[in-house]
Amino acid sequence: MNQFESDLLTFLNARRSSPINGEYNDANDTVYGKTIQWLGLLFAAFASGAQFSTRPKKERDPISQVYGMCNFHFTMLLTNQHV
């Protein structure tokens, strides 16, 4: 958990200091220095965490679904890379 927190802070700092259009490195498939696999994990954590928020259920479900779709997107990127 400590490593994930450290990685998240590194990611957020890189994102904050980069140009508005993002930083994607096609050579090694990273975004702000983090791999697609890591981004999938991040959005899976967000999706799970949304279910434990204090928001009403009618708000939690769509938020969790959006993060789940982002996770699915990164999973599909990985699948397409290895075909």
N, C-alpha and C. Protein backbone atom coordinates (compact mmCIF):
# COMPACT_ATOMS: atom_id res chain seq x y z
N MET A 1 0.83 -1.19 0.00
CA MET A 1 0.00 0.00 0.00
C MET A 1 0.87 1.26 0.00
N ASN A 2 1.96 1.21 0.77
CA ASN A 2 2.85 2.38 0.82
C ASN A 2 3.46 2.67 -0.55
N GLN A 3 3.82 1.61 -1.27
CA GLN A 3 4.40 1.80 -2.60
C GLN A 3 3.36 2.38 -3.56
N PHE A 4 2.12 1.91 -3.47
CA PHE A 4 1.06 2.45 -4.33
C PHE A 4 0.84 3.93 -4.03
N GLU A 5 0.84 4.29 -2.76
CA GLU A 5 0.68 5.70 -2.38
C GLU A 5 1.82 6.55 -2.94
N SER A 6 3.03 6.05 -2.82
CA SER A 6 4.19 6.76 -3.34
C SER A 6 4.10 6.92 -4.86
N ASP A 7 3.70 5.84 -5.54
CA ASP A 7 3.53 5.89 -7.00
C ASP A 7 2.44 6.87 -7.40
N LEU A 8 1.36 6.91 -6.62
CA LEU A 8 0.26 7.83 -6.91
C LEU A 8 0.72 9.28 -6.79
N LEU A 9 1.48 9.57 -5.76
CA LEU A 9 1.98 10.94 -5.58
C LEU A 9 2.93 11.32 -6.71
N THR A 10 3.78 10.40 -7.12
CA THR A 10 4.68 10.64 -8.25
C THR A 10 3.88 10.93 -9.52
N PHE A 11 2.86 10.12 -9.75
CA PHE A 11 1.99 10.28 -10.92
C PHE A 11 1.30 11.64 -10.90
N LEU A 12 0.73 12.00 -9.76
CA LEU A 12 0.00 13.27 -9.66
C LEU A 12 0.94 14.47 -9.83
N ASN A 13 2.13 14.38 -9.27
CA ASN A 13 3.10 15.47 -9.45
C ASN A 13 3.52 15.60 -10.90
N ALA A 14 3.75 14.47 -11.58
CA ALA A 14 4.12 14.51 -13.00
C ALA A 14 2.97 15.08 -13.83
N ARG A 15 1.76 14.70 -13.48
CA ARG A 15 0.58 15.20 -14.21
C ARG A 15 0.42 16.71 -14.02
N ARG A 16 0.63 17.16 -12.81
CA ARG A 16 0.48 18.58 -12.50
C ARG A 16 1.51 19.44 -13.24
N SER A 17 2.71 18.92 -13.39
CA SER A 17 3.78 19.71 -13.99
C SER A 17 3.87 19.57 -15.51
N SER A 18 3.03 18.74 -16.11
CA SER A 18 3.07 18.52 -17.56
C SER A 18 2.11 19.45 -18.29
N PRO A 19 2.30 19.60 -19.59
CA PRO A 19 1.38 20.41 -20.39
C PRO A 19 -0.04 19.86 -20.32
N ILE A 20 -0.98 20.70 -20.66
CA ILE A 20 -2.39 20.35 -20.51
C ILE A 20 -2.82 19.16 -21.37
N ASN A 21 -2.12 18.88 -22.48
CA ASN A 21 -2.53 17.79 -23.35
C ASN A 21 -2.01 16.43 -22.91
N GLY A 22 -1.29 16.36 -21.82
CA GLY A 22 -0.84 15.09 -21.29
C GLY A 22 0.55 14.71 -21.74
N GLU A 23 1.01 13.64 -21.19
CA GLU A 23 2.35 13.16 -21.49
C GLU A 23 2.28 11.66 -21.72
N TYR A 24 2.19 11.27 -22.98
CA TYR A 24 2.15 9.85 -23.34
C TYR A 24 3.44 9.51 -24.05
N ASN A 25 4.13 8.49 -23.57
CA ASN A 25 5.37 8.05 -24.19
C ASN A 25 5.09 6.77 -24.95
N ASP A 26 5.01 6.88 -26.26
CA ASP A 26 4.66 5.74 -27.11
C ASP A 26 5.73 4.66 -27.09
N ALA A 27 6.97 5.03 -26.85
CA ALA A 27 8.08 4.07 -26.89
C ALA A 27 7.92 2.99 -25.82
N ASN A 28 7.45 3.37 -24.65
CA ASN A 28 7.28 2.37 -23.58
C ASN A 28 5.87 2.35 -23.00
N ASP A 29 4.93 2.91 -23.72
CA ASP A 29 3.52 2.91 -23.31
C ASP A 29 3.32 3.37 -21.87
N THR A 30 3.77 4.58 -21.59
CA THR A 30 3.55 5.14 -20.27
C THR A 30 2.80 6.47 -20.39
N VAL A 31 2.09 6.79 -19.34
CA VAL A 31 1.40 8.07 -19.23
C VAL A 31 1.89 8.69 -17.93
N TYR A 32 2.49 9.87 -18.04
CA TYR A 32 3.07 10.55 -16.87
C TYR A 32 4.02 9.60 -16.11
N GLY A 33 4.72 8.76 -16.84
CA GLY A 33 5.70 7.87 -16.24
C GLY A 33 5.15 6.57 -15.68
N LYS A 34 3.87 6.34 -15.79
CA LYS A 34 3.26 5.12 -15.26
C LYS A 34 2.75 4.25 -16.41
N THR A 35 2.85 2.95 -16.22
CA THR A 35 2.43 2.01 -17.26
C THR A 35 0.91 1.91 -17.37
N ILE A 36 0.48 1.36 -18.47
CA ILE A 36 -0.96 1.14 -18.68
C ILE A 36 -1.50 0.20 -17.61
N GLN A 37 -0.70 -0.81 -17.23
CA GLN A 37 -1.13 -1.73 -16.18
C GLN A 37 -1.38 -0.98 -14.87
N TRP A 38 -0.47 -0.06 -14.55
CA TRP A 38 -0.61 0.70 -13.31
C TRP A 38 -1.86 1.57 -13.36
N LEU A 39 -2.12 2.19 -14.51
CA LEU A 39 -3.32 3.02 -14.64
C LEU A 39 -4.59 2.19 -14.50
N GLY A 40 -4.57 0.97 -15.03
CA GLY A 40 -5.71 0.08 -14.83
C GLY A 40 -5.94 -0.20 -13.36
N LEU A 41 -4.87 -0.46 -12.63
CA LEU A 41 -4.96 -0.69 -11.19
C LEU A 41 -5.50 0.54 -10.47
N LEU A 42 -5.04 1.71 -10.88
CA LEU A 42 -5.50 2.96 -10.27
C LEU A 42 -7.01 3.11 -10.43
N PHE A 43 -7.52 2.90 -11.64
CA PHE A 43 -8.95 3.07 -11.86
C PHE A 43 -9.77 1.96 -11.20
N ALA A 44 -9.20 0.77 -11.07
CA ALA A 44 -9.88 -0.29 -10.32
C ALA A 44 -10.00 0.11 -8.84
N ALA A 45 -8.94 0.72 -8.31
CA ALA A 45 -8.99 1.19 -6.92
C ALA A 45 -10.02 2.31 -6.77
N PHE A 46 -10.07 3.21 -7.75
CA PHE A 46 -11.08 4.27 -7.71
C PHE A 46 -12.50 3.70 -7.75
N ALA A 47 -12.72 2.71 -8.61
CA ALA A 47 -14.05 2.11 -8.74
C ALA A 47 -14.47 1.45 -7.42
N SER A 48 -13.53 0.74 -6.83
CA SER A 48 -13.82 0.10 -5.55
C SER A 48 -14.05 1.14 -4.46
N GLY A 49 -13.19 2.14 -4.41
CA GLY A 49 -13.31 3.18 -3.39
C GLY A 49 -14.60 3.96 -3.50
N ALA A 50 -15.09 4.15 -4.71
CA ALA A 50 -16.34 4.89 -4.90
C ALA A 50 -17.50 4.20 -4.20
N GLN A 51 -17.45 2.87 -4.13
CA GLN A 51 -18.52 2.13 -3.47
C GLN A 51 -18.51 2.31 -1.95
N PHE A 52 -17.38 2.75 -1.41
CA PHE A 52 -17.27 2.93 0.04
C PHE A 52 -17.36 4.39 0.46
N SER A 53 -17.71 5.27 -0.48
CA SER A 53 -17.82 6.68 -0.13
C SER A 53 -19.10 6.92 0.67
N THR A 54 -19.22 8.12 1.17
CA THR A 54 -20.41 8.46 1.95
C THR A 54 -21.54 9.01 1.09
N ARG A 55 -21.33 9.04 -0.22
CA ARG A 55 -22.38 9.53 -1.12
C ARG A 55 -23.55 8.53 -1.13
N PRO A 56 -24.75 9.00 -1.49
CA PRO A 56 -25.88 8.08 -1.61
C PRO A 56 -25.61 7.04 -2.71
N LYS A 57 -26.23 5.89 -2.57
CA LYS A 57 -26.03 4.79 -3.51
C LYS A 57 -26.30 5.21 -4.95
N LYS A 58 -27.31 6.03 -5.18
CA LYS A 58 -27.64 6.45 -6.55
C LYS A 58 -26.52 7.28 -7.17
N GLU A 59 -25.66 7.88 -6.36
CA GLU A 59 -24.49 8.61 -6.86
C GLU A 59 -23.25 7.71 -6.94
N ARG A 60 -23.12 6.81 -5.97
CA ARG A 60 -21.95 5.93 -5.94
C ARG A 60 -21.89 5.00 -7.15
N ASP A 61 -23.01 4.42 -7.51
CA ASP A 61 -23.01 3.44 -8.60
C ASP A 61 -22.52 4.01 -9.92
N PRO A 62 -23.05 5.16 -10.39
CA PRO A 62 -22.54 5.68 -11.67
C PRO A 62 -21.06 6.08 -11.60
N ILE A 63 -20.63 6.61 -10.47
CA ILE A 63 -19.22 6.99 -10.33
C ILE A 63 -18.36 5.73 -10.43
N SER A 64 -18.74 4.69 -9.73
CA SER A 64 -18.00 3.44 -9.77
C SER A 64 -18.00 2.85 -11.18
N GLN A 65 -19.11 2.96 -11.88
CA GLN A 65 -19.19 2.43 -13.24
C GLN A 65 -18.26 3.18 -14.20
N VAL A 66 -18.17 4.48 -14.04
CA VAL A 66 -17.27 5.26 -14.90
C VAL A 66 -15.82 4.82 -14.67
N TYR A 67 -15.43 4.70 -13.41
CA TYR A 67 -14.07 4.26 -13.12
C TYR A 67 -13.85 2.82 -13.61
N GLY A 68 -14.87 1.99 -13.49
CA GLY A 68 -14.77 0.63 -14.00
C GLY A 68 -14.59 0.60 -15.52
N MET A 69 -15.28 1.50 -16.21
CA MET A 69 -15.11 1.58 -17.67
C MET A 69 -13.71 2.05 -18.04
N CYS A 70 -13.16 2.96 -17.26
CA CYS A 70 -11.78 3.39 -17.50
C CYS A 70 -10.83 2.22 -17.31
N ASN A 71 -11.04 1.45 -16.26
CA ASN A 71 -10.22 0.26 -16.03
C ASN A 71 -10.34 -0.70 -17.20
N PHE A 72 -11.55 -0.90 -17.69
CA PHE A 72 -11.78 -1.79 -18.83
C PHE A 72 -11.04 -1.27 -20.07
N HIS A 73 -11.05 0.03 -20.26
CA HIS A 73 -10.35 0.63 -21.40
C HIS A 73 -8.86 0.29 -21.36
N PHE A 74 -8.24 0.45 -20.21
CA PHE A 74 -6.82 0.14 -20.09
C PHE A 74 -6.58 -1.36 -20.28
N THR A 75 -7.48 -2.19 -19.80
CA THR A 75 -7.35 -3.63 -20.00
C THR A 75 -7.42 -3.97 -21.48
N MET A 76 -8.32 -3.31 -22.21
CA MET A 76 -8.43 -3.56 -23.65
C MET A 76 -7.18 -3.08 -24.38
N LEU A 77 -6.59 -1.98 -23.95
CA LEU A 77 -5.34 -1.52 -24.56
C LEU A 77 -4.25 -2.58 -24.40
N LEU A 78 -4.18 -3.17 -23.22
CA LEU A 78 -3.17 -4.21 -23.00
C LEU A 78 -3.45 -5.43 -23.87
N THR A 79 -4.71 -5.81 -23.99
CA THR A 79 -5.07 -6.97 -24.79
C THR A 79 -4.72 -6.73 -26.26
N ASN A 80 -5.01 -5.54 -26.75
CA ASN A 80 -4.72 -5.23 -28.15
C ASN A 80 -3.23 -5.16 -28.43
N GLN A 81 -2.43 -4.83 -27.45
CA GLN A 81 -0.99 -4.75 -27.64
C GLN A 81 -0.38 -6.12 -27.84
N HIS A 82 -0.97 -7.12 -27.22
CA HIS A 82 -0.36 -8.45 -27.23
C HIS A 82 -0.98 -9.39 -28.26
N VAL A 83 -1.79 -8.85 -29.14
CA VAL A 83 -2.42 -9.69 -30.17
C VAL A 83 -1.50 -9.86 -31.34
